[in-house]
Protein backbone atom coordinates (compact mmCIF):
# COMPACT_ATOMS: atom_id res chain seq x y z
CA MET A 1 79.76 145.89 74.87
CA THR A 2 82.96 146.67 73.00
CA VAL A 3 86.32 146.59 74.72
CA THR A 4 88.78 148.96 73.08
CA ALA A 5 91.71 148.54 75.46
CA LEU A 6 92.82 146.08 78.11
CA PRO A 7 94.70 146.90 81.29
CA PRO A 8 98.25 145.56 81.45
CA VAL A 9 98.60 141.83 82.07
CA ARG A 10 101.93 140.70 83.48
CA LEU A 11 103.18 137.16 83.05
CA SER A 12 106.01 135.90 85.15
CA VAL A 13 107.48 132.70 83.70
CA ARG A 14 110.42 130.40 84.21
CA LEU A 15 111.83 128.46 81.29
CA PRO A 16 112.84 124.95 82.38
CA GLN A 17 115.93 123.41 80.81
CA ALA A 18 113.72 121.02 78.81
CA TYR A 19 111.77 123.92 77.23
CA PRO A 20 110.57 123.83 74.49
CA LEU A 21 111.39 120.25 73.58
CA ARG A 22 109.63 118.48 76.44
CA LEU A 23 108.23 121.02 78.93
CA PRO A 24 106.15 124.20 78.68
CA PRO A 25 107.17 127.43 80.38
CA GLU A 26 106.31 127.43 84.07
CA LEU A 27 103.79 130.19 84.86
CA LEU A 28 104.90 131.68 88.17
CA SER A 29 102.23 134.39 88.26
CA ILE A 30 99.71 136.33 86.21
CA THR A 31 98.82 139.78 87.50
CA THR A 32 96.78 142.74 86.27
CA THR A 33 96.00 146.18 87.57
CA HIS A 34 92.26 145.42 87.24
CA ASN A 35 91.13 141.92 88.23
CA TRP A 36 87.45 142.42 87.42
CA PHE A 37 87.63 140.72 84.02
CA LEU A 38 90.19 138.00 84.54
CA ASP A 39 89.96 134.48 85.90
CA VAL A 40 93.70 133.90 86.41
CA GLY A 41 93.32 130.14 86.84
CA GLN A 42 91.36 129.82 83.62
CA LEU A 43 93.82 132.00 81.70
CA SER A 44 96.71 129.93 83.01
CA ASP A 45 94.99 126.75 81.82
CA GLN A 46 94.30 128.29 78.41
CA LEU A 47 97.94 129.29 77.98
CA ILE A 48 99.29 125.86 78.93
CA GLU A 49 96.77 124.20 76.57
CA ARG A 50 98.28 126.18 73.67
CA TRP A 51 101.78 124.76 74.19
CA GLU A 52 102.88 121.86 72.00
CA GLU A 53 105.98 119.79 72.57
CA GLY A 54 108.96 121.14 70.64
CA GLU A 55 107.35 124.52 69.90
CA THR A 56 108.25 127.89 71.39
CA ILE A 57 105.15 129.56 72.80
CA LEU A 58 105.89 132.85 74.57
CA TYR A 59 105.15 135.10 71.59
CA THR A 60 101.92 133.19 70.94
CA TRP A 61 100.87 133.64 74.58
CA ILE A 62 101.50 137.38 74.38
CA GLU A 63 99.46 137.70 71.18
CA TYR A 64 96.65 135.60 72.68
CA ILE A 65 96.39 138.05 75.57
CA HIS A 66 97.08 141.17 73.48
CA THR A 67 94.26 140.45 71.04
CA GLY A 68 91.78 139.68 73.84
CA GLU A 69 91.08 136.22 72.41
CA PHE A 70 91.19 134.76 75.93
CA LEU A 71 88.21 136.97 76.87
CA ARG A 72 86.09 135.62 74.02
CA ARG A 73 86.75 132.08 75.15
CA GLU A 74 85.94 132.96 78.76
CA VAL A 75 82.67 134.67 77.80
CA LEU A 76 81.61 131.84 75.49
CA GLY A 77 82.33 129.31 78.22
CA LYS A 78 80.16 131.21 80.69
CA GLN A 79 77.32 131.47 78.16
CA GLN A 80 77.39 127.73 77.59
CA THR A 81 77.25 126.93 81.31
CA VAL A 82 74.29 129.28 81.83
CA MET A 83 72.15 127.63 79.14
């Protein structure tokens, strides 16, 4: 199956005073208009994993979602647990 477009994904974040030097952005919520494809908890974990101390990350998070890379990781993870 080929996905040609994703529904909108909305991130609500708060930037703590120590961002980006010591703390990642705080994810307040992740919402979509279609929840059938998205494990919000898993996506949240994936985004936080991508943050590195001292590095800005918001643009990277947006690209990660925009390109659908998070879906590939989710599908691969499910395939590995089934085997």
